[in-house]
N, C-alpha and C. Protein backbone atom coordinates (compact mmCIF):
# COMPACT_ATOMS: atom_id res chain seq x y z
N MET A 1 94.55 84.20 125.10
CA MET A 1 94.49 85.34 123.97
C MET A 1 92.86 85.37 123.26
N ARG A 2 92.62 86.61 123.47
CA ARG A 2 91.41 86.30 122.51
C ARG A 2 91.39 86.21 120.88
N ARG A 3 90.28 86.03 120.32
CA ARG A 3 90.75 85.88 119.08
C ARG A 3 89.94 87.04 118.40
N LEU A 4 90.14 87.23 116.85
CA LEU A 4 89.65 88.20 116.26
C LEU A 4 88.32 87.56 115.42
N LYS A 5 87.22 88.27 115.00
CA LYS A 5 85.75 87.68 114.25
C LYS A 5 86.53 87.64 113.17
N PRO A 6 85.34 86.84 112.83
CA PRO A 6 85.45 87.05 111.18
C PRO A 6 85.30 88.00 110.62
N HIS A 7 85.96 88.20 109.14
CA HIS A 7 86.30 88.83 108.21
C HIS A 7 84.62 89.93 108.18
N VAL A 8 84.83 91.58 108.19
CA VAL A 8 83.11 92.26 108.18
C VAL A 8 83.50 92.55 107.02
N LEU A 9 81.92 92.33 106.12
CA LEU A 9 82.07 93.25 104.53
C LEU A 9 81.06 94.05 104.97
N LEU A 10 81.35 94.77 104.92
CA LEU A 10 80.85 96.46 104.39
C LEU A 10 80.19 96.44 103.83
N CYS A 11 80.82 96.03 102.47
CA CYS A 11 79.93 95.58 100.89
C CYS A 11 79.43 94.52 101.19
N GLN A 12 79.05 94.00 99.48
CA GLN A 12 78.90 92.47 99.32
C GLN A 12 79.85 92.60 98.33
N ASN A 13 80.92 93.55 98.03
CA ASN A 13 81.84 92.49 96.58
C ASN A 13 83.01 91.77 97.17
N ASP A 14 82.99 91.29 96.45
CA ASP A 14 84.29 89.78 96.79
C ASP A 14 85.76 90.42 96.60
N HIS A 15 86.80 89.49 97.60
CA HIS A 15 87.92 89.48 97.39
C HIS A 15 88.97 90.69 96.22
N GLY A 16 89.73 91.43 96.67
CA GLY A 16 90.22 92.02 95.50
C GLY A 16 91.89 92.99 95.48
N ALA A 17 92.66 93.07 94.98
CA ALA A 17 93.24 94.15 95.16
C ALA A 17 92.54 95.37 95.87
N GLN A 18 93.55 96.74 96.47
CA GLN A 18 93.37 97.37 96.89
C GLN A 18 92.15 98.98 95.42
N GLU A 19 93.57 98.35 94.18
CA GLU A 19 93.14 99.58 93.05
C GLU A 19 91.98 99.40 92.75
N ASP A 20 91.18 97.50 92.61
CA ASP A 20 90.11 97.12 92.50
C ASP A 20 88.94 97.77 92.93
N ARG A 21 88.02 98.16 91.85
CA ARG A 21 86.56 98.93 92.13
C ARG A 21 85.71 98.08 92.75
N ASN A 22 86.25 96.07 92.97
CA ASN A 22 85.03 95.62 93.24
C ASN A 22 86.18 94.89 94.20
N ARG A 23 86.21 95.27 95.64
CA ARG A 23 86.86 94.59 96.75
C ARG A 23 86.23 95.02 97.74
N HIS A 24 86.37 94.83 98.87
CA HIS A 24 86.55 94.67 100.57
C HIS A 24 86.86 95.70 100.69
N VAL A 25 86.51 96.42 101.89
CA VAL A 25 86.57 98.15 102.50
C VAL A 25 88.39 97.79 102.69
N GLY A 26 88.39 96.78 103.33
CA GLY A 26 90.01 96.42 104.12
C GLY A 26 91.05 96.13 103.52
N ASP A 27 90.82 95.65 102.07
CA ASP A 27 91.68 94.91 101.22
C ASP A 27 92.37 95.99 100.45
N LEU A 28 93.67 95.77 101.49
CA LEU A 28 94.76 96.62 100.67
C LEU A 28 96.24 96.40 100.87
N GLY A 29 96.17 95.22 99.24
CA GLY A 29 97.29 94.37 98.78
C GLY A 29 98.15 93.56 99.66
N ASN A 30 99.59 93.45 99.58
CA ASN A 30 100.85 92.99 100.47
C ASN A 30 101.59 93.44 100.75
N ILE A 31 102.34 92.93 101.73
CA ILE A 31 103.46 93.66 102.34
C ILE A 31 104.42 92.57 102.03
N VAL A 32 105.72 93.33 102.37
CA VAL A 32 107.08 92.43 102.53
C VAL A 32 107.94 92.52 103.25
N ALA A 33 108.45 91.64 104.57
CA ALA A 33 109.01 91.66 105.23
C ALA A 33 110.08 91.34 104.81
N ASP A 34 111.32 91.85 105.48
CA ASP A 34 112.73 91.84 105.75
C ASP A 34 112.97 90.20 105.75
N THR A 35 114.37 89.67 105.64
CA THR A 35 114.53 88.55 106.76
C THR A 35 114.55 89.06 108.27
N ASP A 36 114.53 89.29 108.65
CA ASP A 36 114.31 90.04 110.27
C ASP A 36 112.40 89.54 110.58
N TYR A 37 111.87 89.07 109.38
CA TYR A 37 110.07 89.37 109.09
C TYR A 37 109.82 90.86 109.74
N LYS A 38 110.67 91.80 109.05
CA LYS A 38 109.79 93.19 109.63
C LYS A 38 109.60 94.12 108.44
N ALA A 39 108.35 94.66 108.68
CA ALA A 39 107.83 95.05 107.67
C ALA A 39 107.66 97.10 108.13
N ARG A 40 108.08 97.85 107.12
CA ARG A 40 107.60 98.91 107.26
C ARG A 40 107.08 99.46 106.21
N VAL A 41 105.50 99.80 106.46
CA VAL A 41 104.50 100.23 106.10
C VAL A 41 103.33 101.36 106.02
N ARG A 42 103.64 102.40 104.53
CA ARG A 42 102.42 103.89 105.06
C ARG A 42 101.52 103.05 103.81
N ILE A 43 100.41 103.01 104.62
CA ILE A 43 99.05 102.84 103.88
C ILE A 43 97.54 104.19 103.49
N THR A 44 97.40 104.34 102.42
CA THR A 44 96.76 105.52 101.99
C THR A 44 96.02 104.70 101.04
N ASP A 45 94.51 105.58 101.44
CA ASP A 45 93.52 104.75 100.31
C ASP A 45 92.70 105.59 100.66
N ASP A 46 91.47 105.65 99.61
CA ASP A 46 90.68 106.63 98.72
C ASP A 46 88.92 106.23 99.82
N ILE A 47 89.42 104.40 100.06
CA ILE A 47 87.87 103.74 100.56
C ILE A 47 87.45 104.44 102.24
N ILE A 48 88.51 103.34 103.07
CA ILE A 48 89.05 103.46 104.30
C ILE A 48 89.04 104.76 104.99
N SER A 49 88.12 105.01 105.95
CA SER A 49 88.04 106.27 107.22
C SER A 49 88.10 105.97 108.32
N LEU A 50 88.29 107.42 109.02
CA LEU A 50 87.78 107.15 110.66
C LEU A 50 87.32 107.58 111.16
N SER A 51 86.22 107.56 110.05
CA SER A 51 84.80 107.74 110.62
C SER A 51 83.28 107.45 109.24
N GLY A 52 82.25 106.73 110.05
CA GLY A 52 81.23 107.00 108.74
C GLY A 52 80.96 105.66 108.21
N LYS A 53 80.54 105.06 107.37
CA LYS A 53 80.38 103.79 107.10
C LYS A 53 81.40 102.93 106.78
N THR A 54 82.94 103.38 106.27
CA THR A 54 83.67 102.65 106.46
C THR A 54 84.80 102.75 107.53
N ASN A 55 84.85 103.08 108.21
CA ASN A 55 85.26 103.54 109.65
C ASN A 55 86.27 102.03 109.95
N VAL A 56 87.64 102.29 110.41
CA VAL A 56 88.01 101.08 110.85
C VAL A 56 88.73 101.28 112.29
N LEU A 57 88.29 102.59 112.23
CA LEU A 57 88.39 102.11 114.21
C LEU A 57 88.17 101.52 114.64
N GLY A 58 89.17 100.77 115.78
CA GLY A 58 88.48 99.70 116.84
C GLY A 58 88.38 97.88 115.87
N ARG A 59 88.93 98.09 114.65
CA ARG A 59 89.02 96.74 113.65
C ARG A 59 90.35 96.24 113.46
N ALA A 60 91.03 95.29 112.82
CA ALA A 60 91.93 95.00 112.65
C ALA A 60 93.01 95.00 111.58
N ILE A 61 94.16 94.70 111.43
CA ILE A 61 94.48 95.21 110.54
C ILE A 61 95.33 93.27 110.32
N VAL A 62 95.55 92.41 109.90
CA VAL A 62 95.72 91.06 110.05
C VAL A 62 96.54 90.80 108.90
N VAL A 63 98.19 90.20 109.18
CA VAL A 63 98.56 89.39 108.51
C VAL A 63 98.56 88.10 107.83
N HIS A 64 98.60 87.59 106.64
CA HIS A 64 98.15 86.59 106.96
C HIS A 64 99.85 85.78 106.18
N GLU A 65 99.98 84.39 106.57
CA GLU A 65 101.08 83.78 106.40
C GLU A 65 101.54 83.67 104.86
N LYS A 66 100.37 83.65 103.58
CA LYS A 66 101.42 83.66 102.53
C LYS A 66 100.83 85.12 101.47
N GLU A 67 101.39 85.05 100.51
CA GLU A 67 100.56 86.14 100.01
C GLU A 67 99.12 86.28 99.28
N ASP A 68 99.09 86.66 99.29
CA ASP A 68 97.36 86.89 98.62
C ASP A 68 97.24 87.26 97.36
N ASP A 69 96.52 86.39 97.01
CA ASP A 69 96.22 86.26 95.68
C ASP A 69 95.52 87.71 94.83
N LEU A 70 94.80 88.46 95.79
CA LEU A 70 93.91 89.28 95.29
C LEU A 70 92.22 88.95 94.46
N GLY A 71 91.85 87.77 95.11
CA GLY A 71 90.96 87.39 94.70
C GLY A 71 91.39 86.93 92.76
N ARG A 72 92.34 86.65 92.57
CA ARG A 72 92.09 86.12 91.37
C ARG A 72 92.45 84.73 91.28
N GLY A 73 92.94 83.78 92.44
CA GLY A 73 92.87 82.76 92.61
C GLY A 73 91.67 81.58 91.85
N GLY A 74 90.57 82.31 91.50
CA GLY A 74 89.94 81.02 90.68
C GLY A 74 88.85 80.28 91.58
N ASN A 75 89.26 79.98 93.25
CA ASN A 75 88.52 79.66 93.94
C ASN A 75 88.00 80.31 94.66
N LYS A 76 86.62 79.87 95.56
CA LYS A 76 85.66 80.66 96.14
C LYS A 76 86.78 80.87 97.54
N GLU A 77 87.68 80.82 97.94
CA GLU A 77 88.63 80.82 99.59
C GLU A 77 89.17 82.26 98.92
N SER A 78 89.76 82.17 96.92
CA SER A 78 90.23 84.02 96.66
C SER A 78 89.53 84.62 96.92
N LEU A 79 87.93 84.25 96.45
CA LEU A 79 87.19 85.76 96.69
C LEU A 79 86.64 86.01 97.78
N ALA A 80 86.51 85.14 98.53
CA ALA A 80 86.14 85.29 100.27
C ALA A 80 88.36 86.46 100.98
N ALA A 81 89.22 85.60 100.83
CA ALA A 81 89.95 86.39 101.54
C ALA A 81 91.49 86.02 100.38
N GLY A 82 91.51 85.40 99.40
CA GLY A 82 92.64 85.88 98.74
C GLY A 82 93.98 85.03 99.04
N ASN A 83 93.08 83.55 99.73
CA ASN A 83 93.95 82.63 99.15
C ASN A 83 95.40 82.46 100.35
N ALA A 84 95.26 83.10 101.12
CA ALA A 84 96.81 84.31 101.88
C ALA A 84 96.89 82.82 102.75
N GLY A 85 96.47 82.18 103.25
CA GLY A 85 96.41 81.31 104.68
C GLY A 85 96.42 81.86 106.31
N PRO A 86 96.69 81.45 106.86
CA PRO A 86 96.35 81.02 108.60
C PRO A 86 96.88 83.23 108.83
N ARG A 87 96.67 83.13 109.73
CA ARG A 87 96.90 84.40 110.22
C ARG A 87 98.63 84.12 111.03
N ALA A 88 98.95 85.64 110.72
CA ALA A 88 100.12 85.24 111.14
C ALA A 88 100.49 86.30 112.45
N GLY A 89 100.03 87.81 112.24
CA GLY A 89 99.73 88.46 113.63
C GLY A 89 98.84 89.53 112.89
N CYS A 90 99.16 90.07 114.00
CA CYS A 90 97.39 91.11 113.71
C CYS A 90 97.91 92.78 115.00
N CYS A 91 96.81 93.63 114.55
CA CYS A 91 96.53 94.38 115.65
C CYS A 91 95.32 95.24 115.30
N ILE A 92 95.56 96.13 116.45
CA ILE A 92 93.72 96.81 116.41
C ILE A 92 94.11 98.29 116.01
N ILE A 93 93.75 98.53 115.29
CA ILE A 93 93.34 100.54 114.87
C ILE A 93 92.64 101.23 116.08
N VAL A 94 93.57 101.85 116.45
CA VAL A 94 92.99 102.49 117.37
C VAL A 94 93.65 104.31 117.64
N HIS A 95 92.28 104.87 117.73
CA HIS A 95 92.88 106.47 117.76
C HIS A 95 93.81 106.76 118.82
N ARG A 96 95.33 107.77 118.78
CA ARG A 96 96.01 108.20 119.71
C ARG A 96 96.48 109.68 119.67
N ASP A 97 95.32 110.09 120.60
CA ASP A 97 96.08 111.64 120.90
C ASP A 97 97.20 112.20 120.95
N ASP A 98 98.12 112.51 120.19
CA ASP A 98 99.61 113.06 120.25
C ASP A 98 99.34 114.19 120.90
N ARG A 99 98.23 114.87 121.57
CA ARG A 99 99.19 116.20 122.83
C ARG A 99 98.73 115.40 124.19
N GLU A 100 98.08 114.38 124.47
CA GLU A 100 98.55 114.34 125.49
C GLU A 100 99.65 113.84 126.09
């Protein structure tokens, strides 16, 4: 199994909530799963894009084991990754051409 690379920082901001001005590009908040560990999400964002400096194609979406404290935990790990614990699941963002 391949391992994900460390968190990529496209700017020097701290970890935060999606609506925070000071946040990492990929900080998109928490999701909630049902009792079968399934979650349906639709995320829209004013910073991430599919081209340019904040392009997320080829990057990972990572779900962590615990709730993200959104950089408000008062310690170094909170400002880096939200004290969200180990990675529980992930996927890679790719372009899919529905015309094929």
